[in-house]
N, C-alpha and C. Protein backbone atom coordinates (compact mmCIF):
# COMPACT_ATOMS: atom_id res chain seq x y z
N GLN A 1 123.79 93.75 108.26
CA GLN A 1 124.80 94.44 107.48
C GLN A 1 124.28 94.66 106.07
N VAL A 2 124.39 95.88 105.61
CA VAL A 2 123.90 96.22 104.29
C VAL A 2 124.91 95.78 103.24
N GLN A 3 124.41 95.14 102.20
CA GLN A 3 125.26 94.73 101.09
C GLN A 3 124.68 95.23 99.78
N VAL A 4 125.57 95.56 98.88
CA VAL A 4 125.19 96.00 97.54
C VAL A 4 125.92 95.11 96.55
N VAL A 5 125.17 94.47 95.68
CA VAL A 5 125.76 93.52 94.74
C VAL A 5 125.35 93.88 93.33
N GLU A 6 126.36 94.05 92.48
CA GLU A 6 126.10 94.31 91.06
C GLU A 6 126.21 93.00 90.28
N SER A 7 125.47 92.93 89.20
CA SER A 7 125.57 91.76 88.31
C SER A 7 125.19 92.18 86.90
N GLY A 8 125.48 91.30 85.95
CA GLY A 8 125.07 91.53 84.57
C GLY A 8 126.17 91.98 83.64
N GLY A 9 127.36 92.20 84.18
CA GLY A 9 128.46 92.61 83.31
C GLY A 9 128.91 91.48 82.41
N GLY A 10 129.76 91.82 81.46
CA GLY A 10 130.28 90.80 80.56
C GLY A 10 130.95 91.42 79.36
N LEU A 11 131.16 90.57 78.36
CA LEU A 11 131.80 90.97 77.11
C LEU A 11 130.74 91.06 76.02
N VAL A 12 130.75 92.18 75.32
CA VAL A 12 129.77 92.39 74.25
C VAL A 12 130.44 93.14 73.10
N GLN A 13 129.94 92.93 71.91
CA GLN A 13 130.47 93.66 70.77
C GLN A 13 129.89 95.07 70.71
N ALA A 14 130.62 95.94 70.08
CA ALA A 14 130.13 97.31 69.90
C ALA A 14 128.77 97.28 69.21
N GLY A 15 127.88 98.14 69.71
CA GLY A 15 126.51 98.16 69.21
C GLY A 15 125.56 97.26 69.97
N GLY A 16 126.09 96.42 70.81
CA GLY A 16 125.27 95.50 71.57
C GLY A 16 124.71 96.12 72.83
N SER A 17 124.05 95.29 73.62
CA SER A 17 123.38 95.75 74.83
C SER A 17 123.71 94.84 76.01
N LEU A 18 123.64 95.43 77.18
CA LEU A 18 123.74 94.71 78.44
C LEU A 18 122.78 95.35 79.43
N ARG A 19 122.33 94.58 80.38
CA ARG A 19 121.55 95.13 81.48
C ARG A 19 122.23 94.77 82.79
N LEU A 20 122.63 95.80 83.52
CA LEU A 20 123.23 95.60 84.83
C LEU A 20 122.15 95.69 85.90
N SER A 21 122.36 94.92 86.96
CA SER A 21 121.46 94.97 88.11
C SER A 21 122.25 95.35 89.35
N CYS A 22 121.58 96.03 90.24
CA CYS A 22 122.16 96.40 91.53
C CYS A 22 121.13 96.05 92.59
N ALA A 23 121.48 95.15 93.47
CA ALA A 23 120.56 94.71 94.50
C ALA A 23 121.13 95.03 95.88
N ALA A 24 120.35 95.70 96.68
CA ALA A 24 120.74 96.03 98.05
C ALA A 24 119.98 95.14 99.01
N SER A 25 120.68 94.61 99.99
CA SER A 25 120.04 93.74 100.97
C SER A 25 120.54 94.06 102.37
N GLY A 26 119.77 93.63 103.35
CA GLY A 26 120.19 93.80 104.73
C GLY A 26 119.86 95.15 105.33
N SER A 27 119.11 95.96 104.60
CA SER A 27 118.78 97.29 105.11
C SER A 27 117.29 97.37 105.40
N SER A 28 116.98 97.81 106.60
CA SER A 28 115.58 98.06 106.92
C SER A 28 115.21 99.52 106.63
N PHE A 29 116.24 100.29 106.23
CA PHE A 29 115.99 101.69 105.91
C PHE A 29 115.54 101.81 104.48
N ALA A 30 114.85 102.86 104.20
CA ALA A 30 114.53 103.17 102.81
C ALA A 30 115.80 103.58 102.09
N ILE A 31 115.88 103.24 100.83
CA ILE A 31 117.01 103.66 100.02
C ILE A 31 116.55 104.81 99.15
N ASN A 32 117.14 105.95 99.39
CA ASN A 32 116.71 107.15 98.66
C ASN A 32 117.30 107.22 97.26
N ASP A 33 118.58 106.94 97.17
CA ASP A 33 119.28 107.17 95.91
C ASP A 33 120.08 105.94 95.49
N PHE A 34 120.06 105.69 94.20
CA PHE A 34 120.97 104.72 93.58
C PHE A 34 121.78 105.49 92.55
N ASP A 35 123.09 105.21 92.53
CA ASP A 35 123.96 105.80 91.52
C ASP A 35 124.79 104.69 90.88
N TRP A 36 124.94 104.80 89.58
CA TRP A 36 125.89 103.95 88.85
C TRP A 36 127.10 104.81 88.48
N TYR A 37 128.26 104.31 88.83
CA TYR A 37 129.52 104.92 88.42
C TYR A 37 130.29 103.92 87.58
N ARG A 38 131.29 104.39 86.88
CA ARG A 38 132.19 103.50 86.18
C ARG A 38 133.61 104.05 86.26
N GLN A 39 134.55 103.13 86.16
CA GLN A 39 135.94 103.51 86.19
C GLN A 39 136.71 102.65 85.20
N ALA A 40 137.30 103.32 84.23
CA ALA A 40 138.13 102.65 83.24
C ALA A 40 139.58 102.71 83.71
N PRO A 41 140.43 101.81 83.22
CA PRO A 41 141.83 101.80 83.64
C PRO A 41 142.49 103.15 83.39
N GLY A 42 143.15 103.68 84.40
CA GLY A 42 143.87 104.93 84.27
C GLY A 42 143.00 106.17 84.28
N LYS A 43 141.71 105.99 84.52
CA LYS A 43 140.79 107.13 84.53
C LYS A 43 140.10 107.25 85.88
N GLU A 44 139.56 108.43 86.14
CA GLU A 44 138.83 108.65 87.37
C GLU A 44 137.43 108.02 87.29
N ARG A 45 136.90 107.72 88.45
CA ARG A 45 135.54 107.20 88.49
C ARG A 45 134.58 108.30 88.08
N GLU A 46 133.63 107.96 87.23
CA GLU A 46 132.69 108.96 86.76
C GLU A 46 131.25 108.49 86.97
N LEU A 47 130.38 109.46 87.19
CA LEU A 47 128.97 109.16 87.38
C LEU A 47 128.33 108.84 86.02
N VAL A 48 127.63 107.73 85.97
CA VAL A 48 126.97 107.31 84.74
C VAL A 48 125.48 107.66 84.78
N ALA A 49 124.81 107.28 85.87
CA ALA A 49 123.37 107.50 85.96
C ALA A 49 122.95 107.47 87.42
N SER A 50 121.87 108.19 87.71
CA SER A 50 121.35 108.25 89.07
C SER A 50 119.84 108.16 89.03
N ILE A 51 119.28 107.60 90.08
CA ILE A 51 117.85 107.65 90.28
C ILE A 51 117.59 108.00 91.73
N ARG A 52 116.76 109.00 91.92
CA ARG A 52 116.52 109.56 93.24
C ARG A 52 115.10 109.24 93.71
N SER A 53 114.81 109.66 94.92
CA SER A 53 113.45 109.54 95.44
C SER A 53 112.48 110.20 94.47
N GLY A 54 111.36 109.55 94.26
CA GLY A 54 110.42 110.07 93.28
C GLY A 54 110.78 109.66 91.86
N ASP A 55 111.81 108.81 91.76
CA ASP A 55 112.25 108.27 90.47
C ASP A 55 112.77 109.34 89.51
N ARG A 56 113.34 110.37 90.07
CA ARG A 56 114.01 111.36 89.23
C ARG A 56 115.34 110.77 88.76
N THR A 57 115.62 110.91 87.47
CA THR A 57 116.83 110.32 86.89
C THR A 57 117.77 111.39 86.36
N ASN A 58 119.03 111.01 86.28
CA ASN A 58 120.04 111.90 85.75
C ASN A 58 121.10 111.04 85.07
N TYR A 59 121.68 111.54 83.96
CA TYR A 59 122.64 110.76 83.20
C TYR A 59 123.88 111.58 82.88
N GLY A 60 125.00 110.90 82.79
CA GLY A 60 126.20 111.53 82.30
C GLY A 60 126.05 111.83 80.81
N ASP A 61 126.74 112.86 80.37
CA ASP A 61 126.58 113.29 78.98
C ASP A 61 126.96 112.19 77.99
N SER A 62 127.94 111.39 78.34
CA SER A 62 128.44 110.39 77.39
C SER A 62 127.48 109.22 77.20
N VAL A 63 126.49 109.09 78.05
CA VAL A 63 125.58 107.94 77.95
C VAL A 63 124.13 108.35 77.68
N LYS A 64 123.87 109.62 77.65
CA LYS A 64 122.49 110.08 77.41
C LYS A 64 121.96 109.55 76.09
N GLY A 65 120.74 109.04 76.14
CA GLY A 65 120.12 108.49 74.94
C GLY A 65 120.48 107.04 74.68
N ARG A 66 121.45 106.51 75.42
CA ARG A 66 121.84 105.10 75.22
C ARG A 66 121.58 104.25 76.45
N PHE A 67 121.72 104.84 77.62
CA PHE A 67 121.55 104.12 78.89
C PHE A 67 120.26 104.57 79.57
N THR A 68 119.63 103.63 80.27
CA THR A 68 118.42 103.94 81.02
C THR A 68 118.51 103.30 82.39
N ILE A 69 118.30 104.10 83.41
CA ILE A 69 118.28 103.58 84.78
C ILE A 69 116.81 103.46 85.21
N SER A 70 116.51 102.38 85.90
CA SER A 70 115.13 102.18 86.36
C SER A 70 115.15 101.44 87.68
N ARG A 71 114.05 101.54 88.37
CA ARG A 71 113.96 100.97 89.70
C ARG A 71 112.89 99.87 89.68
N ALA A 72 113.23 98.73 90.28
CA ALA A 72 112.28 97.63 90.34
C ALA A 72 111.19 97.95 91.36
N ASN A 73 110.08 97.27 91.23
CA ASN A 73 108.98 97.47 92.18
C ASN A 73 109.39 97.17 93.61
N ALA A 74 110.35 96.29 93.78
CA ALA A 74 110.84 95.94 95.11
C ALA A 74 111.58 97.08 95.78
N ARG A 75 111.97 98.10 95.00
CA ARG A 75 112.58 99.34 95.47
C ARG A 75 114.01 99.20 95.96
N HIS A 76 114.48 97.98 96.19
CA HIS A 76 115.87 97.80 96.61
C HIS A 76 116.73 97.26 95.48
N THR A 77 116.21 97.32 94.27
CA THR A 77 116.93 96.87 93.09
C THR A 77 116.76 97.90 91.99
N VAL A 78 117.86 98.18 91.33
CA VAL A 78 117.79 99.04 90.15
C VAL A 78 118.50 98.36 89.00
N TYR A 79 118.17 98.82 87.81
CA TYR A 79 118.74 98.28 86.60
C TYR A 79 119.38 99.41 85.79
N LEU A 80 120.39 99.05 85.06
CA LEU A 80 120.98 99.97 84.09
C LEU A 80 120.97 99.27 82.74
N GLN A 81 120.04 99.69 81.90
CA GLN A 81 119.97 99.15 80.54
C GLN A 81 120.92 99.94 79.67
N MET A 82 121.85 99.24 79.06
CA MET A 82 122.88 99.89 78.25
C MET A 82 122.75 99.42 76.82
N ASN A 83 122.41 100.33 75.93
CA ASN A 83 122.24 100.01 74.52
C ASN A 83 123.29 100.72 73.69
N ASN A 84 123.47 100.22 72.48
CA ASN A 84 124.44 100.82 71.55
C ASN A 84 125.79 101.03 72.24
N LEU A 85 126.28 99.99 72.85
CA LEU A 85 127.52 100.09 73.60
C LEU A 85 128.70 100.38 72.69
N LYS A 86 129.64 101.14 73.23
CA LYS A 86 130.84 101.54 72.50
C LYS A 86 132.07 101.04 73.24
N PRO A 87 133.19 100.88 72.56
CA PRO A 87 134.41 100.45 73.26
C PRO A 87 134.77 101.36 74.43
N GLU A 88 134.48 102.63 74.30
CA GLU A 88 134.80 103.57 75.39
C GLU A 88 133.89 103.39 76.62
N ASP A 89 132.89 102.55 76.53
CA ASP A 89 132.07 102.22 77.69
C ASP A 89 132.72 101.13 78.55
N THR A 90 133.81 100.57 78.06
CA THR A 90 134.51 99.54 78.82
C THR A 90 135.01 100.09 80.14
N ALA A 91 134.63 99.43 81.22
CA ALA A 91 134.98 99.91 82.57
C ALA A 91 134.43 98.92 83.59
N VAL A 92 134.83 99.14 84.82
CA VAL A 92 134.16 98.47 85.94
C VAL A 92 133.02 99.39 86.36
N TYR A 93 131.84 98.83 86.47
CA TYR A 93 130.66 99.60 86.83
C TYR A 93 130.31 99.32 88.29
N TYR A 94 130.16 100.39 89.04
CA TYR A 94 129.88 100.30 90.46
C TYR A 94 128.51 100.90 90.78
N CYS A 95 127.86 100.29 91.74
CA CYS A 95 126.59 100.81 92.24
C CYS A 95 126.81 101.38 93.64
N LYS A 96 126.23 102.53 93.86
CA LYS A 96 126.30 103.17 95.17
C LYS A 96 124.88 103.47 95.63
N ILE A 97 124.59 103.16 96.89
CA ILE A 97 123.28 103.51 97.44
C ILE A 97 123.43 104.52 98.55
N THR A 98 122.41 105.32 98.75
CA THR A 98 122.33 106.24 99.88
C THR A 98 120.99 106.00 100.57
N THR A 99 121.06 105.64 101.85
CA THR A 99 119.83 105.34 102.57
C THR A 99 119.20 106.61 103.13
N GLU A 100 118.06 106.44 103.73
CA GLU A 100 117.33 107.59 104.27
C GLU A 100 118.08 108.26 105.41
N TYR A 101 119.04 107.56 106.04
CA TYR A 101 119.85 108.18 107.08
C TYR A 101 121.25 108.52 106.59
N ALA A 102 121.34 108.70 105.29
CA ALA A 102 122.58 109.15 104.63
C ALA A 102 123.71 108.14 104.74
N LEU A 103 123.37 106.87 104.97
CA LEU A 103 124.40 105.83 104.94
C LEU A 103 124.73 105.52 103.47
N ILE A 104 126.00 105.52 103.14
CA ILE A 104 126.45 105.27 101.76
C ILE A 104 127.16 103.94 101.70
N ILE A 105 126.73 103.11 100.78
CA ILE A 105 127.34 101.79 100.59
C ILE A 105 127.66 101.60 99.11
N TRP A 106 128.85 101.09 98.84
CA TRP A 106 129.28 100.79 97.47
C TRP A 106 129.32 99.28 97.27
N GLY A 107 128.99 98.88 96.06
CA GLY A 107 129.22 97.50 95.68
C GLY A 107 130.65 97.31 95.21
N GLU A 108 130.98 96.06 94.88
CA GLU A 108 132.36 95.77 94.48
C GLU A 108 132.57 95.90 92.98
N GLY A 109 131.52 96.10 92.23
CA GLY A 109 131.66 96.38 90.82
C GLY A 109 131.47 95.16 89.93
N THR A 110 131.14 95.44 88.68
CA THR A 110 131.02 94.40 87.66
C THR A 110 131.69 94.91 86.38
N GLN A 111 132.44 94.04 85.75
CA GLN A 111 133.22 94.43 84.57
C GLN A 111 132.36 94.40 83.32
N VAL A 112 132.45 95.48 82.56
CA VAL A 112 131.82 95.55 81.24
C VAL A 112 132.92 95.79 80.22
N THR A 113 132.99 94.92 79.23
CA THR A 113 133.99 95.04 78.18
C THR A 113 133.29 95.06 76.83
N VAL A 114 133.57 96.09 76.06
CA VAL A 114 132.95 96.24 74.75
C VAL A 114 134.04 96.14 73.70
N SER A 115 133.93 95.16 72.84
CA SER A 115 134.95 94.96 71.80
C SER A 115 134.53 95.69 70.53
N SER A 116 135.55 96.13 69.80
CA SER A 116 135.27 96.88 68.56
C SER A 116 135.15 95.95 67.37
C-alpha cells in the first residue's frame, strides 16, 4: 500500500523559514510528479509548487522567489524549503504524488502557522 507522509510543519515567526518533507513509501512504481498544495481555513486548496519528471519545477505566484521544491537522491522524497514566511502562508500543507501509472495519492497534511 502506497503511503505519503508529510513532516516539518510547525509554528514560526514572520520572516522565518521551514522545510517540509514529503516521503512516499510502499510503491514499486516510479513517481513522476510531486505536488505541494495548501489550504487555509475558509479557502480553497491551492497549488504551491510542483516537481515533475526531469526535475522541472513550477510555483504558485504567491510563493515564487521564497519557496523552493527539490527532490532527494532517493527520488521518493521531496522537500519544500520555505523562506521569508508570511502570515498568509499559514495553512495545512499537503503533498500529492502521481506514479508512472497515473495513481494519485495524497498525504494527510502538515500544519504551518506563521505568526506576525
